[in-house]
C-alpha cells in the first residue's frame, strides 16, 4: 500500500487555505444541518401528499337540517345548550 501522507498533507494544505478565508467567528450548520433539513422537508412533503390522498377519499354528504323549525339555541340532542360568555 503506497504512502498517502504526501497527498494527505497536500490536501490538508488546500483545506487550511480555504478555511482561512472563512470567518473564524462564524458558525455554519454544515453538511449535517443540510441533511437534517432535507430529511424534514421530505417528511413534510410526504405527509402533505398522504393527507391530500386521504382527504380526497372523504365523501361528505351533509344530511338535511332536521332542526329547521326548532330554536337555534338547541343542540343536536334537542336540549338547550348552556349560555356562553
PDB file of N, CA and C in Angstrom:
ATOM      1  N   UNK A   1       0.845  -1.171   0.000  1.00  0.00           N
ATOM      2  CA  UNK A   1       0.000   0.000   0.000  1.00  0.00           C
ATOM      3  C   UNK A   1       0.893   1.238   0.000  1.00  0.00           C
ATOM      4  N   UNK A   2       0.702   2.144  -0.963  1.00  0.00           N
ATOM      5  CA  UNK A   2       1.583   3.314  -1.052  1.00  0.00           C
ATOM      6  C   UNK A   2       1.342   4.287   0.094  1.00  0.00           C
ATOM      7  N   UNK A   3       2.359   5.067   0.366  1.00  0.00           N
ATOM      8  CA  UNK A   3       2.296   6.051   1.434  1.00  0.00           C
ATOM      9  C   UNK A   3       1.423   7.230   0.972  1.00  0.00           C
ATOM     10  N   UNK A   4       0.359   7.535   1.718  1.00  0.00           N
ATOM     11  CA  UNK A   4      -0.574   8.586   1.347  1.00  0.00           C
ATOM     12  C   UNK A   4      -0.304   9.883   2.103  1.00  0.00           C
ATOM     13  N   UNK A   5       0.736   9.938   2.883  1.00  0.00           N
ATOM     14  CA  UNK A   5       0.958  11.112   3.720  1.00  0.00           C
ATOM     15  C   UNK A   5       1.258  12.358   2.882  1.00  0.00           C
ATOM     16  N   UNK A   6       1.938  12.209   1.754  1.00  0.00           N
ATOM     17  CA  UNK A   6       2.256  13.376   0.928  1.00  0.00           C
ATOM     18  C   UNK A   6       0.986  13.967   0.321  1.00  0.00           C
ATOM     19  N   UNK A   7       0.132  13.101  -0.222  1.00  0.00           N
ATOM     20  CA  UNK A   7      -1.098  13.619  -0.822  1.00  0.00           C
ATOM     21  C   UNK A   7      -2.061  14.123   0.249  1.00  0.00           C
ATOM     22  N   UNK A   8      -2.053  13.478   1.414  1.00  0.00           N
ATOM     23  CA  UNK A   8      -2.917  13.928   2.503  1.00  0.00           C
ATOM     24  C   UNK A   8      -2.478  15.295   3.010  1.00  0.00           C
ATOM     25  N   UNK A   9      -1.175  15.501   3.129  1.00  0.00           N
ATOM     26  CA  UNK A   9      -0.700  16.803   3.609  1.00  0.00           C
ATOM     27  C   UNK A   9      -0.966  17.886   2.559  1.00  0.00           C
ATOM     28  N   UNK A  10      -0.871  17.519   1.268  1.00  0.00           N
ATOM     29  CA  UNK A  10      -1.190  18.478   0.215  1.00  0.00           C
ATOM     30  C   UNK A  10      -2.664  18.859   0.273  1.00  0.00           C
ATOM     31  N   UNK A  11      -3.535  17.871   0.468  1.00  0.00           N
ATOM     32  CA  UNK A  11      -4.969  18.144   0.578  1.00  0.00           C
ATOM     33  C   UNK A  11      -5.259  18.994   1.807  1.00  0.00           C
ATOM     34  N   UNK A  12      -4.618  18.700   2.908  1.00  0.00           N
ATOM     35  CA  UNK A  12      -4.832  19.484   4.131  1.00  0.00           C
ATOM     36  C   UNK A  12      -4.359  20.921   3.940  1.00  0.00           C
ATOM     37  N   UNK A  13      -3.294  21.098   3.174  1.00  0.00           N
ATOM     38  CA  UNK A  13      -2.810  22.452   2.911  1.00  0.00           C
ATOM     39  C   UNK A  13      -3.855  23.246   2.140  1.00  0.00           C
ATOM     40  N   UNK A  14      -4.489  22.604   1.155  1.00  0.00           N
ATOM     41  CA  UNK A  14      -5.531  23.287   0.398  1.00  0.00           C
ATOM     42  C   UNK A  14      -6.749  23.588   1.277  1.00  0.00           C
ATOM     43  N   UNK A  15      -7.123  22.638   2.144  1.00  0.00           N
ATOM     44  CA  UNK A  15      -8.268  22.861   3.023  1.00  0.00           C
ATOM     45  C   UNK A  15      -7.991  23.967   4.028  1.00  0.00           C
ATOM     46  N   UNK A  16      -6.775  24.029   4.534  1.00  0.00           N
ATOM     47  CA  UNK A  16      -6.426  25.056   5.507  1.00  0.00           C
ATOM     48  C   UNK A  16      -6.501  26.433   4.857  1.00  0.00           C
ATOM     49  N   UNK A  17      -6.046  26.554   3.614  1.00  0.00           N
ATOM     50  CA  UNK A  17      -6.117  27.864   2.963  1.00  0.00           C
ATOM     51  C   UNK A  17      -7.566  28.255   2.708  1.00  0.00           C
ATOM     52  N   UNK A  18      -8.430  27.273   2.407  1.00  0.00           N
ATOM     53  CA  UNK A  18      -9.844  27.584   2.251  1.00  0.00           C
ATOM     54  C   UNK A  18     -10.457  27.975   3.592  1.00  0.00           C
ATOM     55  N   UNK A  19     -10.042  27.328   4.653  1.00  0.00           N
ATOM     56  CA  UNK A  19     -10.582  27.622   5.975  1.00  0.00           C
ATOM     57  C   UNK A  19     -10.140  29.005   6.455  1.00  0.00           C
ATOM     58  N   UNK A  20      -8.988  29.452   6.032  1.00  0.00           N
ATOM     59  CA  UNK A  20      -8.520  30.773   6.444  1.00  0.00           C
ATOM     60  C   UNK A  20      -9.395  31.869   5.848  1.00  0.00           C
ATOM     61  N   UNK A  21      -9.988  31.607   4.678  1.00  0.00           N
ATOM     62  CA  UNK A  21     -10.841  32.606   4.039  1.00  0.00           C
ATOM     63  C   UNK A  21     -12.175  32.755   4.751  1.00  0.00           C
ATOM     64  N   UNK A  22     -12.596  31.732   5.479  1.00  0.00           N
ATOM     65  CA  UNK A  22     -13.871  31.755   6.197  1.00  0.00           C
ATOM     66  C   UNK A  22     -13.658  32.467   7.523  1.00  0.00           C
ATOM     67  N   UNK A  23     -14.626  33.268   7.916  1.00  0.00           N
ATOM     68  CA  UNK A  23     -14.552  33.978   9.189  1.00  0.00           C
ATOM     69  C   UNK A  23     -14.544  32.971  10.329  1.00  0.00           C
ATOM     70  N   UNK A  24     -13.563  33.044  11.204  1.00  0.00           N
ATOM     71  CA  UNK A  24     -13.417  32.068  12.288  1.00  0.00           C
ATOM     72  C   UNK A  24     -14.458  32.252  13.387  1.00  0.00           C
ATOM     73  N   UNK A  25     -15.120  33.411  13.442  1.00  0.00           N
ATOM     74  CA  UNK A  25     -16.128  33.659  14.465  1.00  0.00           C
ATOM     75  C   UNK A  25     -17.520  33.212  14.027  1.00  0.00           C
ATOM     76  N   UNK A  26     -17.665  32.780  12.793  1.00  0.00           N
ATOM     77  CA  UNK A  26     -18.963  32.405  12.259  1.00  0.00           C
ATOM     78  C   UNK A  26     -19.140  30.885  12.343  1.00  0.00           C
ATOM     79  N   UNK A  27     -20.307  30.480  12.795  1.00  0.00           N
ATOM     80  CA  UNK A  27     -20.628  29.061  12.887  1.00  0.00           C
ATOM     81  C   UNK A  27     -21.661  28.748  11.817  1.00  0.00           C
ATOM     82  N   UNK A  28     -21.433  27.704  11.049  1.00  0.00           N
ATOM     83  CA  UNK A  28     -22.370  27.301   9.997  1.00  0.00           C
ATOM     84  C   UNK A  28     -22.891  25.907  10.295  1.00  0.00           C
ATOM     85  N   UNK A  29     -24.083  25.557   9.802  1.00  0.00           N
ATOM     86  CA  UNK A  29     -24.652  24.250  10.103  1.00  0.00           C
ATOM     87  C   UNK A  29     -23.922  23.099   9.428  1.00  0.00           C
ATOM     88  N   UNK A  30     -23.311  23.341   8.295  1.00  0.00           N
ATOM     89  CA  UNK A  30     -22.544  22.300   7.629  1.00  0.00           C
ATOM     90  C   UNK A  30     -23.414  21.272   6.934  1.00  0.00           C
ATOM     91  N   UNK A  31     -22.797  20.169   6.600  1.00  0.00           N
ATOM     92  CA  UNK A  31     -23.456  19.111   5.842  1.00  0.00           C
ATOM     93  C   UNK A  31     -24.546  18.428   6.676  1.00  0.00           C
ATOM     94  N   UNK A  32     -24.267  18.198   7.939  1.00  0.00           N
ATOM     95  CA  UNK A  32     -25.256  17.542   8.805  1.00  0.00           C
ATOM     96  C   UNK A  32     -26.527  18.382   8.909  1.00  0.00           C
ATOM     97  N   UNK A  33     -26.390  19.679   9.028  1.00  0.00           N
ATOM     98  CA  UNK A  33     -27.554  20.564   9.076  1.00  0.00           C
ATOM     99  C   UNK A  33     -28.359  20.499   7.790  1.00  0.00           C
ATOM    100  N   UNK A  34     -27.667  20.440   6.655  1.00  0.00           N
ATOM    101  CA  UNK A  34     -28.364  20.332   5.383  1.00  0.00           C
ATOM    102  C   UNK A  34     -29.108  19.004   5.271  1.00  0.00           C
ATOM    103  N   UNK A  35     -28.472  17.928   5.696  1.00  0.00           N
ATOM    104  CA  UNK A  35     -29.101  16.602   5.623  1.00  0.00           C
ATOM    105  C   UNK A  35     -30.347  16.553   6.500  1.00  0.00           C
ATOM    106  N   UNK A  36     -30.267  17.106   7.707  1.00  0.00           N
ATOM    107  CA  UNK A  36     -31.423  17.120   8.607  1.00  0.00           C
ATOM    108  C   UNK A  36     -32.548  17.965   8.006  1.00  0.00           C
ATOM    109  N   UNK A  37     -32.208  19.119   7.473  1.00  0.00           N
ATOM    110  CA  UNK A  37     -33.215  19.991   6.853  1.00  0.00           C
ATOM    111  C   UNK A  37     -33.865  19.306   5.657  1.00  0.00           C
ATOM    112  N   UNK A  38     -33.075  18.663   4.812  1.00  0.00           N
ATOM    113  CA  UNK A  38     -33.608  17.974   3.636  1.00  0.00           C
ATOM    114  C   UNK A  38     -34.518  16.826   4.060  1.00  0.00           C
ATOM    115  N   UNK A  39     -34.131  16.086   5.108  1.00  0.00           N
ATOM    116  CA  UNK A  39     -34.964  14.979   5.586  1.00  0.00           C
ATOM    117  C   UNK A  39     -36.296  15.495   6.127  1.00  0.00           C
ATOM    118  N   UNK A  40     -36.263  16.606   6.852  1.00  0.00           N
ATOM    119  CA  UNK A  40     -37.508  17.179   7.370  1.00  0.00           C
ATOM    120  C   UNK A  40     -38.391  17.690   6.229  1.00  0.00           C
ATOM    121  N   UNK A  41     -37.785  18.288   5.211  1.00  0.00           N
ATOM    122  CA  UNK A  41     -38.565  18.766   4.066  1.00  0.00           C
ATOM    123  C   UNK A  41     -39.217  17.595   3.338  1.00  0.00           C
ATOM    124  N   UNK A  42     -38.496  16.499   3.159  1.00  0.00           N
ATOM    125  CA  UNK A  42     -39.079  15.321   2.516  1.00  0.00           C
ATOM    126  C   UNK A  42     -40.199  14.722   3.356  1.00  0.00           C
ATOM    127  N   UNK A  43     -40.037  14.715   4.675  1.00  0.00           N
ATOM    128  CA  UNK A  43     -41.076  14.181   5.553  1.00  0.00           C
ATOM    129  C   UNK A  43     -42.343  15.034   5.471  1.00  0.00           C
ATOM    130  N   UNK A  44     -42.198  16.350   5.463  1.00  0.00           N
ATOM    131  CA  UNK A  44     -43.363  17.236   5.365  1.00  0.00           C
ATOM    132  C   UNK A  44     -44.051  17.042   4.022  1.00  0.00           C
ATOM    133  N   UNK A  45     -43.268  16.931   2.952  1.00  0.00           N
ATOM    134  CA  UNK A  45     -43.836  16.703   1.625  1.00  0.00           C
ATOM    135  C   UNK A  45     -44.621  15.392   1.588  1.00  0.00           C
ATOM    136  N   UNK A  46     -44.050  14.323   2.157  1.00  0.00           N
ATOM    137  CA  UNK A  46     -44.733  13.022   2.172  1.00  0.00           C
ATOM    138  C   UNK A  46     -46.013  13.085   3.001  1.00  0.00           C
ATOM    139  N   UNK A  47     -45.974  13.778   4.141  1.00  0.00           N
ATOM    140  CA  UNK A  47     -47.172  13.905   4.974  1.00  0.00           C
ATOM    141  C   UNK A  47     -48.262  14.702   4.259  1.00  0.00           C
ATOM    142  N   UNK A  48     -47.892  15.762   3.570  1.00  0.00           N
ATOM    143  CA  UNK A  48     -48.893  16.558   2.848  1.00  0.00           C
ATOM    144  C   UNK A  48     -49.502  15.751   1.699  1.00  0.00           C
ATOM    145  N   UNK A  49     -48.679  14.961   1.015  1.00  0.00           N
ATOM    146  CA  UNK A  49     -49.186  14.133  -0.072  1.00  0.00           C
ATOM    147  C   UNK A  49     -50.146  13.069   0.479  1.00  0.00           C
ATOM    148  N   UNK A  50     -49.798  12.476   1.607  1.00  0.00           N
ATOM    149  CA  UNK A  50     -50.659  11.469   2.229  1.00  0.00           C
ATOM    150  C   UNK A  50     -51.968  12.092   2.701  1.00  0.00           C
ATOM    151  N   UNK A  51     -51.888  13.280   3.314  1.00  0.00           N
ATOM    152  CA  UNK A  51     -53.094  13.952   3.789  1.00  0.00           C
ATOM    153  C   UNK A  51     -54.014  14.299   2.615  1.00  0.00           C
ATOM    154  N   UNK A  52     -53.432  14.759   1.523  1.00  0.00           N
ATOM    155  CA  UNK A  52     -54.228  15.084   0.350  1.00  0.00           C
ATOM    156  C   UNK A  52     -54.929  13.838  -0.188  1.00  0.00           C
ATOM    157  N   UNK A  53     -54.224  12.726  -0.197  1.00  0.00           N
ATOM    158  CA  UNK A  53     -54.817  11.480  -0.682  1.00  0.00           C
ATOM    159  C   UNK A  53     -55.968  11.041   0.218  1.00  0.00           C
ATOM    160  N   UNK A  54     -55.783  11.157   1.538  1.00  0.00           N
ATOM    161  CA  UNK A  54     -56.841  10.773   2.475  1.00  0.00           C
ATOM    162  C   UNK A  54     -58.033  11.723   2.409  1.00  0.00           C
ATOM    163  N   UNK A  55     -57.773  13.007   2.229  1.00  0.00           N
ATOM    164  CA  UNK A  55     -58.863  13.968   2.136  1.00  0.00           C
ATOM    165  C   UNK A  55     -59.683  13.763   0.859  1.00  0.00           C
ATOM    166  N   UNK A  56     -59.046  13.334  -0.211  1.00  0.00           N
ATOM    167  CA  UNK A  56     -59.767  13.075  -1.454  1.00  0.00           C
ATOM    168  C   UNK A  56     -60.670  11.849  -1.343  1.00  0.00           C
ATOM    169  N   UNK A  57     -60.359  10.947  -0.412  1.00  0.00           N
ATOM    170  CA  UNK A  57     -61.182   9.750  -0.211  1.00  0.00           C
ATOM    171  C   UNK A  57     -62.463  10.053   0.555  1.00  0.00           C
ATOM    172  N   UNK A  58     -62.501  11.161   1.280  1.00  0.00           N
ATOM    173  CA  UNK A  58     -63.662  11.503   2.101  1.00  0.00           C
ATOM    174  C   UNK A  58     -64.818  11.911   1.194  1.00  0.00           C
ATOM    175  N   UNK A  59     -65.967  11.262   1.398  1.00  0.00           N
ATOM    176  CA  UNK A  59     -67.171  11.588   0.630  1.00  0.00           C
ATOM    177  C   UNK A  59     -68.194  12.123   1.621  1.00  0.00           C
ATOM    178  N   UNK A  60     -68.186  13.424   1.834  1.00  0.00           N
ATOM    179  CA  UNK A  60     -69.030  14.037   2.847  1.00  0.00           C
ATOM    180  C   UNK A  60     -70.324  14.506   2.220  1.00  0.00           C
ATOM    181  N   UNK A  61     -71.423  13.934   2.679  1.00  0.00           N
ATOM    182  CA  UNK A  61     -72.752  14.360   2.253  1.00  0.00           C
ATOM    183  C   UNK A  61     -73.465  14.895   3.485  1.00  0.00           C
ATOM    184  N   UNK A  62     -73.794  16.171   3.484  1.00  0.00           N
ATOM    185  CA  UNK A  62     -74.459  16.766   4.635  1.00  0.00           C
ATOM    186  C   UNK A  62     -75.916  16.323   4.653  1.00  0.00           C
ATOM    187  N   UNK A  63     -76.347  15.877   5.833  1.00  0.00           N
ATOM    188  CA  UNK A  63     -77.738  15.451   5.968  1.00  0.00           C
ATOM    189  C   UNK A  63     -78.638  16.682   6.004  1.00  0.00           C
ATOM    190  N   UNK A  64     -79.894  16.532   5.616  1.00  0.00           N
ATOM    191  CA  UNK A  64     -80.806  17.686   5.665  1.00  0.00           C
ATOM    192  C   UNK A  64     -80.959  18.208   7.093  1.00  0.00           C
ATOM    193  N   UNK A  65     -81.178  19.493   7.205  1.00  0.00           N
ATOM    194  CA  UNK A  65     -81.293  20.128   8.517  1.00  0.00           C
ATOM    195  C   UNK A  65     -82.600  19.705   9.182  1.00  0.00           C
ATOM    196  N   UNK A  66     -82.484  18.931  10.270  1.00  0.00           N
ATOM    197  CA  UNK A  66     -83.672  18.422  10.966  1.00  0.00           C
ATOM    198  C   UNK A  66     -84.207  19.410  11.983  1.00  0.00           C
ATOM    199  N   UNK A  67     -83.437  20.426  12.339  1.00  0.00           N
ATOM    200  CA  UNK A  67     -83.850  21.367  13.388  1.00  0.00           C
ATOM    201  C   UNK A  67     -84.291  22.692  12.799  1.00  0.00           C
ATOM    202  N   UNK A  68     -84.766  22.698  11.572  1.00  0.00           N
ATOM    203  CA  UNK A  68     -85.112  23.960  10.926  1.00  0.00           C
ATOM    204  C   UNK A  68     -86.272  24.672  11.620  1.00  0.00           C
ATOM    205  N   UNK A  69     -87.217  23.938  12.235  1.00  0.00           N
ATOM    206  CA  UNK A  69     -88.349  24.574  12.882  1.00  0.00           C
ATOM    207  C   UNK A  69     -88.141  24.784  14.366  1.00  0.00           C
ATOM    208  N   UNK A  70     -87.019  24.315  14.911  1.00  0.00           N
ATOM    209  CA  UNK A  70     -86.770  24.418  16.354  1.00  0.00           C
ATOM    210  C   UNK A  70     -85.935  25.653  16.669  1.00  0.00           C
ATOM    211  N   UNK A  71     -85.798  25.898  17.950  1.00  0.00           N
ATOM    212  CA  UNK A  71     -84.996  27.018  18.427  1.00  0.00           C
ATOM    213  C   UNK A  71     -83.534  26.798  18.033  1.00  0.00           C
ATOM    214  N   UNK A  72     -82.850  27.838  17.586  1.00  0.00           N
ATOM    215  CA  UNK A  72     -81.468  27.696  17.140  1.00  0.00           C
ATOM    216  C   UNK A  72     -80.504  27.487  18.297  1.00  0.00           C
ATOM    217  N   UNK A  73     -80.923  27.750  19.538  1.00  0.00           N
ATOM    218  CA  UNK A  73     -80.048  27.561  20.689  1.00  0.00           C
ATOM    219  C   UNK A  73     -79.992  26.101  21.113  1.00  0.00           C
ATOM    220  N   UNK A  74     -80.843  25.275  20.550  1.00  0.00           N
ATOM    221  CA  UNK A  74     -80.842  23.861  20.911  1.00  0.00           C
ATOM    222  C   UNK A  74     -79.726  23.148  20.193  1.00  0.00           C
ATOM    223  N   UNK A  75     -79.104  22.215  20.903  1.00  0.00           N
ATOM    224  CA  UNK A  75     -78.033  21.420  20.316  1.00  0.00           C
ATOM    225  C   UNK A  75     -78.619  20.252  19.548  1.00  0.00           C
ATOM    226  N   UNK A  76     -77.744  19.331  19.083  1.00  0.00           N
ATOM    227  CA  UNK A  76     -78.207  18.204  18.303  1.00  0.00           C
ATOM    228  C   UNK A  76     -79.079  17.238  19.111  1.00  0.00           C
ATOM    229  N   UNK A  77     -78.992  17.250  20.432  1.00  0.00           N
ATOM    230  CA  UNK A  77     -79.812  16.337  21.239  1.00  0.00           C
ATOM    231  C   UNK A  77     -81.205  16.900  21.506  1.00  0.00           C
ATOM    232  N   UNK A  78     -81.466  18.151  21.125  1.00  0.00           N
ATOM    233  CA  UNK A  78     -82.749  18.764  21.347  1.00  0.00           C
ATOM    234  C   UNK A  78     -82.812  19.521  22.654  1.00  0.00           C
ATOM    235  N   UNK A  79     -81.756  19.429  23.463  1.00  0.00           N
ATOM    236  CA  UNK A  79     -81.713  20.160  24.743  1.00  0.00           C
ATOM    237  C   UNK A  79     -81.058  21.498  24.519  1.00  0.00           C
ATOM    238  N   UNK A  80     -81.434  22.464  25.316  1.00  0.00           N
ATOM    239  CA  UNK A  80     -80.852  23.804  25.199  1.00  0.00           C
ATOM    240  C   UNK A  80     -79.399  23.744  25.619  1.00  0.00           C
ATOM    241  N   UNK A  81     -78.565  24.406  24.858  1.00  0.00           N
ATOM    242  CA  UNK A  81     -77.144  24.433  25.194  1.00  0.00           C
ATOM    243  C   UNK A  81     -76.897  25.492  26.269  1.00  0.00           C
ATOM    244  N   UNK A  82     -75.864  25.301  27.090  1.00  0.00           N
ATOM    245  CA  UNK A  82     -75.580  26.283  28.145  1.00  0.00           C
ATOM    246  C   UNK A  82     -75.177  27.629  27.552  1.00  0.00           C
ATOM    247  N   UNK A  83     -75.500  28.677  28.278  1.00  0.00           N
ATOM    248  CA  UNK A  83     -75.191  30.028  27.813  1.00  0.00           C
ATOM    249  C   UNK A  83     -73.675  30.212  27.803  1.00  0.00           C
ATOM    250  N   UNK A  84     -73.192  30.885  26.780  1.00  0.00           N
ATOM    251  CA  UNK A  84     -71.758  31.126  26.663  1.00  0.00           C
ATOM    252  C   UNK A  84     -71.489  32.586  26.987  1.00  0.00           C
ATOM    253  N   UNK A  85     -70.342  32.795  27.644  1.00  0.00           N
ATOM    254  CA  UNK A  85     -69.913  34.166  27.894  1.00  0.00           C
ATOM    255  C   UNK A  85     -70.276  34.622  29.188  1.00  0.00           C
TER     256      UNK A  85
END
